[in-house]
Protein backbone atom coordinates (compact mmCIF):
# COMPACT_ATOMS: atom_id res chain seq x y z
CA MET A 1 81.42 27.35 45.31
CA GLU A 2 80.45 29.13 42.12
CA ASN A 3 76.83 28.50 41.14
CA ILE A 4 75.92 29.58 37.59
CA ALA A 5 72.42 29.02 36.24
CA PRO A 6 72.17 27.42 32.77
CA TYR A 7 70.79 30.62 31.24
CA GLN A 8 73.92 32.47 32.43
CA ASN A 9 76.48 29.76 31.75
CA PRO A 10 78.58 29.97 28.57
CA TYR A 11 80.72 26.98 29.49
CA LEU A 12 79.75 23.52 28.26
CA ILE A 13 81.95 20.46 27.79
CA GLY A 14 81.34 16.83 26.94
CA HIS A 15 78.57 17.35 24.39
CA GLU A 16 80.51 18.48 21.35
CA THR A 17 78.85 15.88 19.11
CA ALA A 18 75.34 17.16 19.92
CA GLU A 19 76.48 20.74 19.36
CA GLN A 20 77.88 19.79 15.95
CA VAL A 21 74.68 17.99 14.95
CA PHE A 22 72.64 21.13 15.60
CA LEU A 23 75.21 23.40 13.95
CA ASN A 24 75.28 21.22 10.84
CA ALA A 25 71.49 21.39 10.58
CA PHE A 26 71.61 25.18 10.94
CA LYS A 27 74.35 25.57 8.32
CA SER A 28 72.51 23.33 5.84
CA ASN A 29 69.38 25.46 6.34
CA ALA A 30 67.54 22.31 7.44
CA LEU A 31 66.67 23.02 11.06
CA HIS A 32 63.90 20.87 12.48
CA HIS A 33 61.20 22.90 14.22
CA ALA A 34 61.52 20.95 17.51
CA TRP A 35 64.45 19.33 19.30
CA LEU A 36 64.23 16.88 22.19
CA ILE A 37 67.35 17.15 24.36
CA SER A 38 67.44 14.09 26.61
CA GLY A 39 69.76 12.35 29.05
CA PRO A 40 70.32 11.88 32.80
CA GLU A 41 69.83 14.79 35.17
CA GLY A 42 72.67 17.18 35.82
CA ILE A 43 74.79 16.53 32.72
CA GLY A 44 74.24 19.86 30.94
CA LYS A 45 70.98 19.52 28.97
CA ALA A 46 69.64 22.92 30.04
CA THR A 47 73.04 24.53 29.49
CA LEU A 48 73.04 23.16 25.94
CA ALA A 49 69.46 24.30 25.35
CA TYR A 50 70.29 27.86 26.40
CA LYS A 51 73.47 27.75 24.30
CA ILE A 52 71.36 26.84 21.26
CA ALA A 53 68.86 29.58 22.11
CA ARG A 54 71.62 32.18 22.37
CA PHE A 55 73.11 31.05 19.08
CA LEU A 56 69.80 31.28 17.22
CA LEU A 57 68.86 34.64 18.70
CA ALA A 58 72.29 36.14 18.10
CA ASN A 59 72.69 35.04 14.48
CA ARG A 60 70.80 35.21 11.23
CA GLN A 61 71.12 32.53 8.56
CA ASP A 62 73.52 34.62 6.51
CA ASN A 63 76.99 33.48 5.49
CA LEU A 64 76.31 30.02 6.88
CA SER A 65 79.83 28.75 6.22
CA ASP A 66 81.20 31.32 8.69
CA PHE A 67 79.78 29.52 11.74
CA LYS A 68 82.28 27.19 13.39
CA SER A 69 80.57 26.64 16.75
CA LEU A 70 77.51 27.56 18.82
CA ASP A 71 79.54 29.95 20.95
CA VAL A 72 78.18 33.48 21.38
CA ASP A 73 80.08 36.54 22.58
CA GLU A 74 79.24 37.10 26.26
CA ASN A 75 79.02 40.83 25.56
CA SER A 76 76.44 40.39 22.81
CA ALA A 77 72.90 41.67 23.31
CA ALA A 78 71.46 38.15 22.97
CA PHE A 79 73.73 36.73 25.68
CA ARG A 80 73.09 39.58 28.12
CA LEU A 81 69.32 39.58 27.59
CA ILE A 82 69.01 35.83 28.06
CA ALA A 83 71.24 35.97 31.15
CA ARG A 84 68.72 38.44 32.61
CA ARG A 85 65.83 36.28 31.40
CA ALA A 86 64.60 39.27 29.40
CA HIS A 87 65.00 38.37 25.72
CA PRO A 88 61.72 39.17 23.91
CA ASN A 89 62.18 36.30 21.43
CA LEU A 90 62.74 33.59 24.04
CA LYS A 91 59.89 31.96 25.98
CA VAL A 92 60.83 29.58 28.79
CA LEU A 93 58.19 27.21 30.15
CA GLU A 94 58.90 25.61 33.50
CA ARG A 95 57.09 24.75 36.71
CA ASP A 96 55.69 27.89 38.32
CA PHE A 97 55.82 28.71 42.01
CA ILE A 98 53.01 27.42 44.21
CA GLU A 99 50.29 30.03 44.76
CA THR A 100 51.47 31.27 48.16
CA ASP A 101 55.07 31.72 46.98
CA LYS A 102 53.92 33.25 43.69
CA LYS A 103 52.19 35.94 45.75
CA LYS A 104 55.48 36.59 47.56
CA VAL A 105 57.23 37.14 44.23
CA LEU A 106 54.51 39.43 42.89
CA LYS A 107 54.44 41.44 46.12
CA ALA A 108 58.22 41.85 46.03
CA ILE A 109 58.01 43.12 42.45
CA LYS A 110 55.14 45.46 43.32
CA ASP A 111 57.11 46.84 46.27
CA GLY A 112 60.12 47.42 44.03
CA GLU A 113 62.24 44.91 45.94
CA PRO A 114 62.63 41.82 43.69
CA LEU A 115 63.83 38.68 45.45
CA ASP A 116 67.46 37.75 44.95
CA GLU A 117 68.66 34.35 43.68
CA ASP A 118 69.01 32.88 47.20
CA ASP A 119 65.45 33.88 48.10
CA LEU A 120 64.11 32.44 44.86
CA GLN A 121 65.93 29.16 45.48
CA ASN A 122 64.00 28.74 48.74
CA LEU A 123 60.58 29.13 47.09
CA LYS A 124 58.57 26.01 46.32
CA LYS A 125 57.40 25.12 42.83
CA SER A 126 54.37 23.20 41.61
CA ALA A 127 54.75 19.48 40.94
CA VAL A 128 53.78 19.86 37.27
CA ILE A 129 53.49 22.39 34.46
CA LYS A 130 49.77 23.10 34.23
CA VAL A 131 47.82 23.67 31.03
CA ASP A 132 47.11 27.28 32.05
CA GLU A 133 50.83 27.94 31.96
CA THR A 134 51.16 26.59 28.41
CA ARG A 135 48.72 29.25 27.22
CA SER A 136 51.48 31.79 27.67
CA ILE A 137 53.25 30.06 24.78
CA HIS A 138 50.27 30.68 22.51
CA GLU A 139 50.32 34.34 23.53
CA PHE A 140 54.07 34.47 22.82
CA LEU A 141 53.69 32.85 19.40
CA GLY A 142 50.72 35.03 18.55
CA LYS A 143 52.94 38.10 18.56
CA LYS A 144 55.40 39.01 15.84
CA SER A 145 59.06 38.39 16.45
CA PHE A 146 60.77 41.40 18.01
CA ASP A 147 63.17 41.75 15.08
CA GLY A 148 61.53 39.53 12.47
CA ASP A 149 63.94 36.69 13.12
CA TRP A 150 63.95 33.50 15.22
CA ARG A 151 61.71 32.83 18.18
CA VAL A 152 62.66 30.10 20.66
CA VAL A 153 60.43 28.20 23.10
CA LEU A 154 62.40 26.30 25.75
CA ILE A 155 60.57 23.76 27.94
CA ASP A 156 62.46 22.74 31.08
CA SER A 157 61.46 20.07 31.50
CA ALA A 158 58.94 18.32 29.28
CA ASP A 159 58.77 15.58 31.95
CA ASP A 160 56.86 18.05 34.14
CA LEU A 161 53.98 18.51 31.69
CA ASN A 162 50.70 17.05 32.91
CA ALA A 163 48.36 15.34 30.45
CA SER A 164 46.52 18.51 29.45
CA SER A 165 49.63 20.65 29.06
CA ALA A 166 51.36 17.87 27.09
CA ASN A 167 48.47 17.81 24.64
CA ALA A 168 48.65 21.59 24.34
CA ILE A 169 52.35 21.35 23.44
CA LEU A 170 51.56 18.57 20.98
CA LYS A 171 49.21 20.87 19.07
CA ILE A 172 52.02 23.39 18.68
CA LEU A 173 54.36 20.65 17.45
CA GLU A 174 51.76 19.53 14.92
CA GLU A 175 51.37 23.05 13.49
CA PRO A 176 54.70 24.78 14.14
CA PRO A 177 54.83 28.51 13.45
CA LEU A 178 57.40 29.80 10.98
CA LYS A 179 60.83 30.81 12.26
CA THR A 180 60.15 29.15 15.62
CA ILE A 181 62.26 26.50 17.31
CA LEU A 182 61.03 24.45 20.29
CA LEU A 183 63.65 22.99 22.64
CA LEU A 184 62.30 20.30 24.96
CA ILE A 185 64.48 19.07 27.82
CA SER A 186 63.75 15.59 29.16
CA HIS A 187 65.42 13.44 31.82
CA ASN A 188 63.22 10.46 30.91
CA PRO A 189 61.88 10.72 27.34
CA ASN A 190 60.09 7.38 27.61
CA ARG A 191 57.57 9.09 29.89
CA LEU A 192 56.62 11.58 27.16
CA LEU A 193 53.78 11.07 24.73
CA PRO A 194 55.03 9.01 21.76
CA THR A 195 53.50 11.63 19.47
CA ILE A 196 55.65 14.33 21.10
CA ARG A 197 58.81 12.25 20.73
CA SER A 198 58.05 11.46 17.08
CA ARG A 199 57.73 15.14 16.16
CA CYS A 200 61.13 16.11 17.55
CA ALA A 201 64.65 15.78 16.28
CA LYS A 202 66.74 14.02 18.94
CA LEU A 203 69.84 15.14 20.79
CA ILE A 204 70.61 12.31 23.22
CA LEU A 205 73.27 13.35 25.72
CA GLN A 206 75.41 10.83 27.56
CA PRO A 207 76.77 11.10 31.13
CA LEU A 208 79.97 13.10 31.35
CA THR A 209 83.29 11.32 31.63
CA ASN A 210 84.97 11.28 35.04
CA GLU A 211 87.64 13.57 33.59
CA ASN A 212 85.04 16.14 32.54
CA VAL A 213 83.26 16.03 35.90
CA ALA A 214 86.61 16.55 37.64
CA LEU A 215 87.44 19.45 35.32
CA LEU A 216 84.11 21.12 36.05
CA LEU A 217 84.49 20.59 39.80
CA HIS A 218 87.88 22.31 39.69
CA ARG A 219 86.26 25.16 37.77
CA TYR A 220 83.22 25.67 39.99
CA CYS A 221 84.70 24.56 43.32
CA PRO A 222 88.37 25.59 43.28
CA GLU A 223 88.50 25.22 47.06
CA LEU A 224 88.15 21.43 46.86
CA SER A 225 91.19 19.24 47.41
CA GLN A 226 92.15 16.73 44.76
CA ALA A 227 91.17 13.90 47.08
CA ASP A 228 87.68 15.37 47.51
CA VAL A 229 87.32 15.88 43.76
CA ASP A 230 88.32 12.27 43.13
CA GLY A 231 85.88 11.01 45.75
CA ILE A 232 82.94 13.06 44.48
CA VAL A 233 83.63 12.04 40.88
CA GLN A 234 83.32 8.39 41.88
CA ILE A 235 79.84 8.84 43.35
CA ALA A 236 78.51 11.41 40.85
CA HIS A 237 78.33 8.93 37.95
CA GLY A 238 78.84 11.44 35.17
CA SER A 239 76.54 14.19 36.48
CA ILE A 240 78.10 17.56 37.31
CA GLY A 241 74.74 18.71 38.69
CA ARG A 242 74.74 15.82 41.13
CA ALA A 243 78.41 16.40 41.94
CA LEU A 244 77.79 20.06 42.82
CA SER A 245 74.82 19.13 45.01
CA TYR A 246 77.05 16.59 46.74
CA VAL A 247 79.61 19.30 47.45
CA GLU A 248 76.93 21.54 48.94
CA GLY A 249 75.44 18.74 51.03
CA ASN A 250 78.79 17.30 52.17
CA ALA A 251 77.73 13.99 50.61
CA LEU A 252 81.24 12.58 50.35
CA GLN A 253 81.63 12.68 54.14
CA VAL A 254 78.26 10.94 54.58
CA TYR A 255 79.27 8.30 52.03
CA GLN A 256 82.62 7.67 53.70
CA ASN A 257 81.06 7.53 57.18
CA LEU A 258 78.53 4.96 55.98
CA LEU A 259 81.29 2.84 54.45
CA LYS A 260 83.16 2.98 57.74
CA VAL A 261 80.26 1.86 59.91
CA VAL A 262 79.31 -0.89 57.46
CA SER A 263 82.81 -2.31 57.83
CA GLN A 264 82.33 -2.48 61.60
CA LYS A 265 80.35 -5.24 63.29
CA GLY A 266 77.63 -4.46 65.80
CA MET A 267 75.98 -1.17 66.69
CA THR A 268 79.00 1.07 67.27
CA SER A 269 78.83 4.60 68.63
CA GLN A 270 79.72 5.85 65.14
CA ALA A 271 76.71 4.08 63.66
CA LEU A 272 74.42 5.49 66.36
CA GLN A 273 75.74 9.00 65.76
CA LEU A 274 75.34 8.66 61.99
CA ALA A 275 71.74 7.46 62.36
CA TYR A 276 70.98 10.34 64.72
CA GLU A 277 72.38 12.90 62.27
CA ALA A 278 70.57 11.29 59.32
CA SER A 279 67.20 11.63 61.05
CA SER A 280 67.75 15.25 62.06
CA ASP A 281 66.06 16.76 58.99
CA GLU A 282 64.51 15.75 55.67
CA GLU A 283 67.41 16.86 53.46
CA ARG A 284 69.95 14.96 55.54
CA TRP A 285 67.75 11.86 55.52
CA ALA A 286 67.30 11.98 51.75
CA LEU A 287 71.05 12.37 51.24
CA THR A 288 71.93 9.56 53.65
CA THR A 289 69.47 7.11 52.09
CA GLU A 290 70.79 7.99 48.63
CA MET A 291 74.38 7.34 49.76
CA PHE A 292 73.39 4.07 51.42
CA LEU A 293 71.73 2.78 48.26
CA LYS A 294 74.77 3.88 46.26
CA ILE A 295 77.03 1.82 48.54
CA VAL A 296 74.80 -1.26 48.23
CA SER A 297 74.72 -0.84 44.45
CA ASN A 298 78.51 -0.61 44.33
CA TYR A 299 78.85 -3.84 46.31
CA ILE A 300 76.48 -5.59 43.91
CA GLN A 301 78.35 -4.30 40.86
CA GLN A 302 81.62 -5.51 42.38
CA GLY A 303 80.10 -9.00 42.71
CA CYS A 304 80.35 -8.92 46.50
CA CYS A 305 78.03 -11.66 47.79
CA VAL A 306 75.47 -10.61 45.21
CA GLU A 307 72.57 -12.66 46.58
CA LYS A 308 72.84 -11.21 50.09
CA THR A 309 73.68 -7.64 49.08
CA GLY A 310 70.86 -7.82 46.53
CA ALA A 311 68.50 -8.79 49.34
CA VAL A 312 69.69 -5.77 51.34
CA TRP A 313 68.97 -3.59 48.29
CA ASP A 314 65.38 -4.85 48.13
CA GLN A 315 65.00 -4.49 51.89
CA ALA A 316 66.37 -0.93 51.83
CA GLN A 317 64.07 0.14 48.99
CA ALA A 318 61.04 -1.17 50.84
CA MET A 319 62.03 0.20 54.25
CA PHE A 320 62.89 3.67 52.98
CA ARG A 321 59.52 3.78 51.21
CA ASP A 322 57.67 2.57 54.31
CA THR A 323 59.53 5.05 56.48
CA GLU A 324 57.85 7.86 54.58
CA ASN A 325 54.44 6.20 54.26
CA LEU A 326 54.16 4.72 57.76
CA ASN A 327 56.13 7.27 59.77
CA MET A 328 58.62 4.67 60.99
CA ASP A 329 61.56 5.47 63.25
CA LYS A 330 64.23 6.60 60.82
CA ARG A 331 67.13 5.98 63.16
CA GLN A 332 66.11 2.40 63.78
CA VAL A 333 65.46 1.79 60.08
CA LEU A 334 68.94 2.99 59.14
CA LEU A 335 70.61 1.05 61.95
CA ASN A 336 68.85 -2.15 60.90
CA LEU A 337 69.96 -1.68 57.30
CA ILE A 338 73.56 -0.85 58.27
CA TYR A 339 73.64 -4.05 60.32
CA ALA A 340 72.13 -6.10 57.48
CA LEU A 341 74.64 -4.78 54.94
CA SER A 342 77.50 -5.24 57.40
CA GLN A 343 76.53 -8.88 57.85
CA ALA A 344 76.19 -9.46 54.11
CA VAL A 345 79.60 -7.95 53.41
CA SER A 346 81.35 -9.73 56.29
CA ASP A 347 79.94 -13.06 55.12
CA ALA A 348 81.61 -12.47 51.75
CA ASN A 349 85.04 -11.90 53.31
């Protein structure tokens, strides 16, 4: 499976309208100083943000009518610098590593042996973007642009700002520096300060179509069969990010196994085996509970004994929460819920 980070990815589909909105603002010389790019997780918000950043940092506002898209030559200096996270006119604000893992990174750099992408993926990050980290933006904006042109601040994501860091960003939005564009990514803009939302132009992205998710799966996971692509598309609900994580976690098999045991009555050996595997580690448990809730939701949407399947939904939400808080037996919790859903579905048939 090919895994390309947003800052390296030139390929974006499904958001042509949002691209055109930004391009039109650029060509009319009426760019807003801040843009809020919002929508569900995994649909391409960060990829769009980096595409906008590349476009701004690769082009001056000369001959505006010549620009037909936000595409940038992959061999251009702007593209290559951003792909290496080294462009002097781009500042990215995101959650930093926790202190112990930050020391690992700094030690690796000091020793002349920087961590590779796989190592970095295994490091843990802080739960929020702290106010201390936002001060780096002030330092960035306090310096002159490298070439006298655009500077871009990209916040991924604004949802991670704590109260103090959000207020620090708000001050920048209230007094934006010249020739500076702020790009704020948000999965849930309603959680942001109203004053932050009101000071941003909006690019609201919608979930991808099933056709686009399938196209992207074929691009990034050419080894998948058509049947697997079709199955993953149905459970990804318009998110290529979610679809790719499902491929990596073998989610489709978990989903299909759950459907199979739900259709069986009683505690079969398959159900026992599935519950045992689900409780084997935290990632597997999280994936299994997600797939179970997805199955219950699908039954409800299909109108299958809505009252009883709705009760299973409420029961599952509560039990999964209590499993974490009260250290309950995960295998027994899942078996009880499989039995409850099986009964609800069989009563509807």
